[in-house]
């Protein structure tokens, strides 16, 4: 419910993949699995980093969030 209401007031970035119902999460997981399998098969070291570039609650005022939820 919260996600649906917030999405109407503050459209999400199309690259957003976390905390939403979309095929994007499964696509990202499949891609990560493929990369890991490839690295293992070829005996290559692999480092994975997850970075949250935009902090949603730092860029949207708390007042606006409360207003939308009401």
PDB file of N, CA and C in Angstrom:
ATOM      1  N   UNK A   1       0.834  -1.194   0.000  1.00  0.00           N
ATOM      2  CA  UNK A   1       0.000   0.000   0.000  1.00  0.00           C
ATOM      3  C   UNK A   1       0.871   1.247   0.000  1.00  0.00           C
ATOM      4  N   UNK A   2       1.883   1.253   0.856  1.00  0.00           N
ATOM      5  CA  UNK A   2       2.768   2.417   0.937  1.00  0.00           C
ATOM      6  C   UNK A   2       3.465   2.646  -0.399  1.00  0.00           C
ATOM      7  N   UNK A   3       3.987   1.586  -0.988  1.00  0.00           N
ATOM      8  CA  UNK A   3       4.676   1.719  -2.270  1.00  0.00           C
ATOM      9  C   UNK A   3       3.743   2.252  -3.340  1.00  0.00           C
ATOM     10  N   UNK A   4       2.523   1.747  -3.396  1.00  0.00           N
ATOM     11  CA  UNK A   4       1.565   2.195  -4.407  1.00  0.00           C
ATOM     12  C   UNK A   4       1.260   3.677  -4.246  1.00  0.00           C
ATOM     13  N   UNK A   5       1.059   4.127  -3.029  1.00  0.00           N
ATOM     14  CA  UNK A   5       0.743   5.541  -2.785  1.00  0.00           C
ATOM     15  C   UNK A   5       1.937   6.443  -3.084  1.00  0.00           C
ATOM     16  N   UNK A   6       3.111   6.012  -2.662  1.00  0.00           N
ATOM     17  CA  UNK A   6       4.300   6.823  -2.913  1.00  0.00           C
ATOM     18  C   UNK A   6       4.608   6.905  -4.405  1.00  0.00           C
ATOM     19  N   UNK A   7       4.391   5.827  -5.125  1.00  0.00           N
ATOM     20  CA  UNK A   7       4.674   5.800  -6.561  1.00  0.00           C
ATOM     21  C   UNK A   7       3.795   6.793  -7.319  1.00  0.00           C
ATOM     22  N   UNK A   8       2.547   6.936  -6.889  1.00  0.00           N
ATOM     23  CA  UNK A   8       1.650   7.904  -7.535  1.00  0.00           C
ATOM     24  C   UNK A   8       2.144   9.325  -7.334  1.00  0.00           C
ATOM     25  N   UNK A   9       2.631   9.634  -6.139  1.00  0.00           N
ATOM     26  CA  UNK A   9       3.069  10.996  -5.825  1.00  0.00           C
ATOM     27  C   UNK A   9       4.499  11.264  -6.265  1.00  0.00           C
ATOM     28  N   UNK A  10       5.338  10.256  -6.187  1.00  0.00           N
ATOM     29  CA  UNK A  10       6.761  10.409  -6.490  1.00  0.00           C
ATOM     30  C   UNK A  10       7.188   9.250  -7.384  1.00  0.00           C
ATOM     31  N   UNK A  11       7.024   9.382  -8.682  1.00  0.00           N
ATOM     32  CA  UNK A  11       7.393   8.274  -9.577  1.00  0.00           C
ATOM     33  C   UNK A  11       8.834   7.825  -9.341  1.00  0.00           C
ATOM     34  N   UNK A  12       9.022   6.513  -9.333  1.00  0.00           N
ATOM     35  CA  UNK A  12      10.351   5.949  -9.107  1.00  0.00           C
ATOM     36  C   UNK A  12      11.199   6.025 -10.359  1.00  0.00           C
ATOM     37  N   UNK A  13      12.476   6.059 -10.156  1.00  0.00           N
ATOM     38  CA  UNK A  13      13.417   6.001 -11.263  1.00  0.00           C
ATOM     39  C   UNK A  13      13.212   4.671 -11.973  1.00  0.00           C
ATOM     40  N   UNK A  14      13.182   4.647 -13.308  1.00  0.00           N
ATOM     41  CA  UNK A  14      12.973   3.387 -14.023  1.00  0.00           C
ATOM     42  C   UNK A  14      14.028   2.329 -13.725  1.00  0.00           C
ATOM     43  N   UNK A  15      15.181   2.742 -13.184  1.00  0.00           N
ATOM     44  CA  UNK A  15      16.226   1.771 -12.840  1.00  0.00           C
ATOM     45  C   UNK A  15      16.039   1.182 -11.449  1.00  0.00           C
ATOM     46  N   UNK A  16      15.060   1.684 -10.695  1.00  0.00           N
ATOM     47  CA  UNK A  16      14.790   1.170  -9.356  1.00  0.00           C
ATOM     48  C   UNK A  16      14.422  -0.301  -9.438  1.00  0.00           C
ATOM     49  N   UNK A  17      15.047  -1.137  -8.629  1.00  0.00           N
ATOM     50  CA  UNK A  17      14.754  -2.566  -8.668  1.00  0.00           C
ATOM     51  C   UNK A  17      14.380  -3.123  -7.303  1.00  0.00           C
ATOM     52  N   UNK A  18      14.742  -2.453  -6.246  1.00  0.00           N
ATOM     53  CA  UNK A  18      14.436  -2.961  -4.916  1.00  0.00           C
ATOM     54  C   UNK A  18      13.088  -2.497  -4.419  1.00  0.00           C
ATOM     55  N   UNK A  19      12.424  -3.321  -3.628  1.00  0.00           N
ATOM     56  CA  UNK A  19      11.187  -2.988  -2.939  1.00  0.00           C
ATOM     57  C   UNK A  19      10.015  -2.676  -3.856  1.00  0.00           C
ATOM     58  N   UNK A  20      10.036  -3.194  -5.073  1.00  0.00           N
ATOM     59  CA  UNK A  20       8.910  -3.014  -5.991  1.00  0.00           C
ATOM     60  C   UNK A  20       8.599  -4.346  -6.657  1.00  0.00           C
ATOM     61  N   UNK A  21       7.356  -4.472  -7.135  1.00  0.00           N
ATOM     62  CA  UNK A  21       6.979  -5.669  -7.883  1.00  0.00           C
ATOM     63  C   UNK A  21       7.323  -5.430  -9.339  1.00  0.00           C
ATOM     64  N   UNK A  22       8.351  -6.098  -9.784  1.00  0.00           N
ATOM     65  CA  UNK A  22       8.775  -5.942 -11.173  1.00  0.00           C
ATOM     66  C   UNK A  22       9.685  -7.102 -11.542  1.00  0.00           C
ATOM     67  N   UNK A  23       9.762  -7.338 -12.832  1.00  0.00           N
ATOM     68  CA  UNK A  23      10.645  -8.404 -13.307  1.00  0.00           C
ATOM     69  C   UNK A  23      12.109  -8.031 -13.107  1.00  0.00           C
ATOM     70  N   UNK A  24      12.375  -6.764 -12.866  1.00  0.00           N
ATOM     71  CA  UNK A  24      13.742  -6.285 -12.731  1.00  0.00           C
ATOM     72  C   UNK A  24      14.548  -7.000 -11.677  1.00  0.00           C
ATOM     73  N   UNK A  25      13.924  -7.314 -10.536  1.00  0.00           N
ATOM     74  CA  UNK A  25      14.666  -8.001  -9.473  1.00  0.00           C
ATOM     75  C   UNK A  25      15.124  -9.369  -9.935  1.00  0.00           C
ATOM     76  N   UNK A  26      14.224 -10.122 -10.542  1.00  0.00           N
ATOM     77  CA  UNK A  26      14.616 -11.460 -10.991  1.00  0.00           C
ATOM     78  C   UNK A  26      15.629 -11.381 -12.128  1.00  0.00           C
ATOM     79  N   UNK A  27      15.485 -10.378 -13.000  1.00  0.00           N
ATOM     80  CA  UNK A  27      16.460 -10.200 -14.078  1.00  0.00           C
ATOM     81  C   UNK A  27      17.837  -9.905 -13.510  1.00  0.00           C
ATOM     82  N   UNK A  28      17.896  -9.044 -12.513  1.00  0.00           N
ATOM     83  CA  UNK A  28      19.183  -8.708 -11.898  1.00  0.00           C
ATOM     84  C   UNK A  28      19.797  -9.915 -11.203  1.00  0.00           C
ATOM     85  N   UNK A  29      18.963 -10.713 -10.529  1.00  0.00           N
ATOM     86  CA  UNK A  29      19.479 -11.911  -9.865  1.00  0.00           C
ATOM     87  C   UNK A  29      20.011 -12.926 -10.867  1.00  0.00           C
ATOM     88  N   UNK A  30      19.298 -13.112 -11.968  1.00  0.00           N
ATOM     89  CA  UNK A  30      19.762 -14.041 -13.005  1.00  0.00           C
ATOM     90  C   UNK A  30      21.088 -13.572 -13.601  1.00  0.00           C
ATOM     91  N   UNK A  31      21.210 -12.280 -13.831  1.00  0.00           N
ATOM     92  CA  UNK A  31      22.457 -11.731 -14.354  1.00  0.00           C
ATOM     93  C   UNK A  31      23.597 -11.952 -13.369  1.00  0.00           C
ATOM     94  N   UNK A  32      23.344 -11.682 -12.099  1.00  0.00           N
ATOM     95  CA  UNK A  32      24.372 -11.893 -11.076  1.00  0.00           C
ATOM     96  C   UNK A  32      24.771 -13.360 -10.998  1.00  0.00           C
ATOM     97  N   UNK A  33      23.794 -14.265 -11.053  1.00  0.00           N
ATOM     98  CA  UNK A  33      24.102 -15.701 -11.029  1.00  0.00           C
ATOM     99  C   UNK A  33      24.964 -16.101 -12.221  1.00  0.00           C
ATOM    100  N   UNK A  34      24.660 -15.562 -13.385  1.00  0.00           N
ATOM    101  CA  UNK A  34      25.437 -15.862 -14.593  1.00  0.00           C
ATOM    102  C   UNK A  34      26.877 -15.383 -14.436  1.00  0.00           C
ATOM    103  N   UNK A  35      27.055 -14.195 -13.913  1.00  0.00           N
ATOM    104  CA  UNK A  35      28.396 -13.639 -13.710  1.00  0.00           C
ATOM    105  C   UNK A  35      29.179 -14.486 -12.713  1.00  0.00           C
ATOM    106  N   UNK A  36      28.529 -14.890 -11.624  1.00  0.00           N
ATOM    107  CA  UNK A  36      29.198 -15.710 -10.609  1.00  0.00           C
ATOM    108  C   UNK A  36      29.596 -17.071 -11.191  1.00  0.00           C
ATOM    109  N   UNK A  37      28.667 -17.704 -11.913  1.00  0.00           N
ATOM    110  CA  UNK A  37      28.977 -19.012 -12.530  1.00  0.00           C
ATOM    111  C   UNK A  37      30.149 -18.904 -13.497  1.00  0.00           C
ATOM    112  N   UNK A  38      30.145 -17.838 -14.291  1.00  0.00           N
ATOM    113  CA  UNK A  38      31.221 -17.644 -15.265  1.00  0.00           C
ATOM    114  C   UNK A  38      32.567 -17.476 -14.568  1.00  0.00           C
ATOM    115  N   UNK A  39      32.588 -16.675 -13.510  1.00  0.00           N
ATOM    116  CA  UNK A  39      33.831 -16.450 -12.768  1.00  0.00           C
ATOM    117  C   UNK A  39      34.331 -17.755 -12.148  1.00  0.00           C
ATOM    118  N   UNK A  40      33.412 -18.541 -11.600  1.00  0.00           N
ATOM    119  CA  UNK A  40      33.806 -19.832 -11.006  1.00  0.00           C
ATOM    120  C   UNK A  40      34.339 -20.780 -12.070  1.00  0.00           C
ATOM    121  N   UNK A  41      33.625 -20.858 -13.194  1.00  0.00           N
ATOM    122  CA  UNK A  41      34.015 -21.769 -14.275  1.00  0.00           C
ATOM    123  C   UNK A  41      35.398 -21.428 -14.817  1.00  0.00           C
ATOM    124  N   UNK A  42      35.690 -20.132 -14.937  1.00  0.00           N
ATOM    125  CA  UNK A  42      36.968 -19.684 -15.491  1.00  0.00           C
ATOM    126  C   UNK A  42      38.011 -19.424 -14.405  1.00  0.00           C
ATOM    127  N   UNK A  43      37.678 -19.769 -13.154  1.00  0.00           N
ATOM    128  CA  UNK A  43      38.598 -19.600 -12.012  1.00  0.00           C
ATOM    129  C   UNK A  43      39.128 -18.167 -11.925  1.00  0.00           C
ATOM    130  N   UNK A  44      38.219 -17.207 -12.100  1.00  0.00           N
ATOM    131  CA  UNK A  44      38.599 -15.798 -12.000  1.00  0.00           C
ATOM    132  C   UNK A  44      38.078 -15.221 -10.692  1.00  0.00           C
ATOM    133  N   UNK A  45      38.839 -14.318 -10.069  1.00  0.00           N
ATOM    134  CA  UNK A  45      38.333 -13.661  -8.854  1.00  0.00           C
ATOM    135  C   UNK A  45      37.176 -12.725  -9.240  1.00  0.00           C
ATOM    136  N   UNK A  46      36.264 -12.543  -8.318  1.00  0.00           N
ATOM    137  CA  UNK A  46      35.113 -11.692  -8.587  1.00  0.00           C
ATOM    138  C   UNK A  46      34.757 -10.911  -7.336  1.00  0.00           C
ATOM    139  N   UNK A  47      34.564  -9.628  -7.499  1.00  0.00           N
ATOM    140  CA  UNK A  47      34.085  -8.779  -6.409  1.00  0.00           C
ATOM    141  C   UNK A  47      32.755  -8.170  -6.821  1.00  0.00           C
ATOM    142  N   UNK A  48      31.809  -8.151  -5.901  1.00  0.00           N
ATOM    143  CA  UNK A  48      30.486  -7.589  -6.189  1.00  0.00           C
ATOM    144  C   UNK A  48      30.192  -6.499  -5.172  1.00  0.00           C
ATOM    145  N   UNK A  49      29.744  -5.367  -5.663  1.00  0.00           N
ATOM    146  CA  UNK A  49      29.414  -4.240  -4.801  1.00  0.00           C
ATOM    147  C   UNK A  49      28.007  -3.757  -5.145  1.00  0.00           C
ATOM    148  N   UNK A  50      27.187  -3.545  -4.125  1.00  0.00           N
ATOM    149  CA  UNK A  50      25.854  -2.990  -4.313  1.00  0.00           C
ATOM    150  C   UNK A  50      25.875  -1.560  -3.792  1.00  0.00           C
ATOM    151  N   UNK A  51      25.540  -0.620  -4.646  1.00  0.00           N
ATOM    152  CA  UNK A  51      25.594   0.792  -4.285  1.00  0.00           C
ATOM    153  C   UNK A  51      24.216   1.426  -4.461  1.00  0.00           C
ATOM    154  N   UNK A  52      23.754   2.124  -3.439  1.00  0.00           N
ATOM    155  CA  UNK A  52      22.509   2.878  -3.513  1.00  0.00           C
ATOM    156  C   UNK A  52      22.895   4.315  -3.789  1.00  0.00           C
ATOM    157  N   UNK A  53      22.796   4.725  -5.052  1.00  0.00           N
ATOM    158  CA  UNK A  53      23.262   6.046  -5.446  1.00  0.00           C
ATOM    159  C   UNK A  53      22.351   7.157  -4.931  1.00  0.00           C
ATOM    160  N   UNK A  54      21.056   6.964  -5.037  1.00  0.00           N
ATOM    161  CA  UNK A  54      20.102   7.986  -4.589  1.00  0.00           C
ATOM    162  C   UNK A  54      19.378   7.495  -3.345  1.00  0.00           C
ATOM    163  N   UNK A  55      19.437   8.296  -2.302  1.00  0.00           N
ATOM    164  CA  UNK A  55      18.731   7.960  -1.072  1.00  0.00           C
ATOM    165  C   UNK A  55      17.345   8.583  -1.152  1.00  0.00           C
ATOM    166  N   UNK A  56      16.365   7.765  -1.387  1.00  0.00           N
ATOM    167  CA  UNK A  56      15.004   8.259  -1.624  1.00  0.00           C
ATOM    168  C   UNK A  56      14.486   9.119  -0.478  1.00  0.00           C
ATOM    169  N   UNK A  57      14.737   8.724   0.754  1.00  0.00           N
ATOM    170  CA  UNK A  57      14.172   9.483   1.862  1.00  0.00           C
ATOM    171  C   UNK A  57      14.978  10.732   2.185  1.00  0.00           C
ATOM    172  N   UNK A  58      16.120  10.918   1.562  1.00  0.00           N
ATOM    173  CA  UNK A  58      16.872  12.165   1.702  1.00  0.00           C
ATOM    174  C   UNK A  58      16.440  13.179   0.653  1.00  0.00           C
ATOM    175  N   UNK A  59      15.836  12.711  -0.442  1.00  0.00           N
ATOM    176  CA  UNK A  59      15.471  13.624  -1.523  1.00  0.00           C
ATOM    177  C   UNK A  59      13.990  13.980  -1.522  1.00  0.00           C
ATOM    178  N   UNK A  60      13.185  13.267  -0.738  1.00  0.00           N
ATOM    179  CA  UNK A  60      11.760  13.563  -0.635  1.00  0.00           C
ATOM    180  C   UNK A  60      11.502  14.035   0.792  1.00  0.00           C
ATOM    181  N   UNK A  61      10.835  15.177   0.923  1.00  0.00           N
ATOM    182  CA  UNK A  61      10.606  15.705   2.271  1.00  0.00           C
ATOM    183  C   UNK A  61       9.675  14.787   3.054  1.00  0.00           C
ATOM    184  N   UNK A  62       9.920  14.706   4.355  1.00  0.00           N
ATOM    185  CA  UNK A  62       9.084  13.865   5.214  1.00  0.00           C
ATOM    186  C   UNK A  62       7.645  14.380   5.221  1.00  0.00           C
ATOM    187  N   UNK A  63       7.476  15.689   5.147  1.00  0.00           N
ATOM    188  CA  UNK A  63       6.136  16.269   5.104  1.00  0.00           C
ATOM    189  C   UNK A  63       5.358  15.773   3.900  1.00  0.00           C
ATOM    190  N   UNK A  64       6.026  15.734   2.753  1.00  0.00           N
ATOM    191  CA  UNK A  64       5.384  15.254   1.531  1.00  0.00           C
ATOM    192  C   UNK A  64       5.011  13.773   1.655  1.00  0.00           C
ATOM    193  N   UNK A  65       5.898  12.977   2.218  1.00  0.00           N
ATOM    194  CA  UNK A  65       5.616  11.553   2.389  1.00  0.00           C
ATOM    195  C   UNK A  65       4.400  11.363   3.279  1.00  0.00           C
ATOM    196  N   UNK A  66       4.340  12.080   4.393  1.00  0.00           N
ATOM    197  CA  UNK A  66       3.189  11.965   5.307  1.00  0.00           C
ATOM    198  C   UNK A  66       1.900  12.422   4.618  1.00  0.00           C
ATOM    199  N   UNK A  67       1.978  13.481   3.848  1.00  0.00           N
ATOM    200  CA  UNK A  67       0.795  13.981   3.123  1.00  0.00           C
ATOM    201  C   UNK A  67       0.274  12.925   2.154  1.00  0.00           C
ATOM    202  N   UNK A  68       1.162  12.304   1.405  1.00  0.00           N
ATOM    203  CA  UNK A  68       0.764  11.289   0.428  1.00  0.00           C
ATOM    204  C   UNK A  68       0.169  10.077   1.121  1.00  0.00           C
ATOM    205  N   UNK A  69       0.750   9.681   2.238  1.00  0.00           N
ATOM    206  CA  UNK A  69       0.232   8.507   2.940  1.00  0.00           C
ATOM    207  C   UNK A  69      -1.155   8.739   3.529  1.00  0.00           C
ATOM    208  N   UNK A  70      -1.457   9.991   3.881  1.00  0.00           N
ATOM    209  CA  UNK A  70      -2.792  10.306   4.414  1.00  0.00           C
ATOM    210  C   UNK A  70      -3.817  10.176   3.322  1.00  0.00           C
TER     211      UNK A  70
END
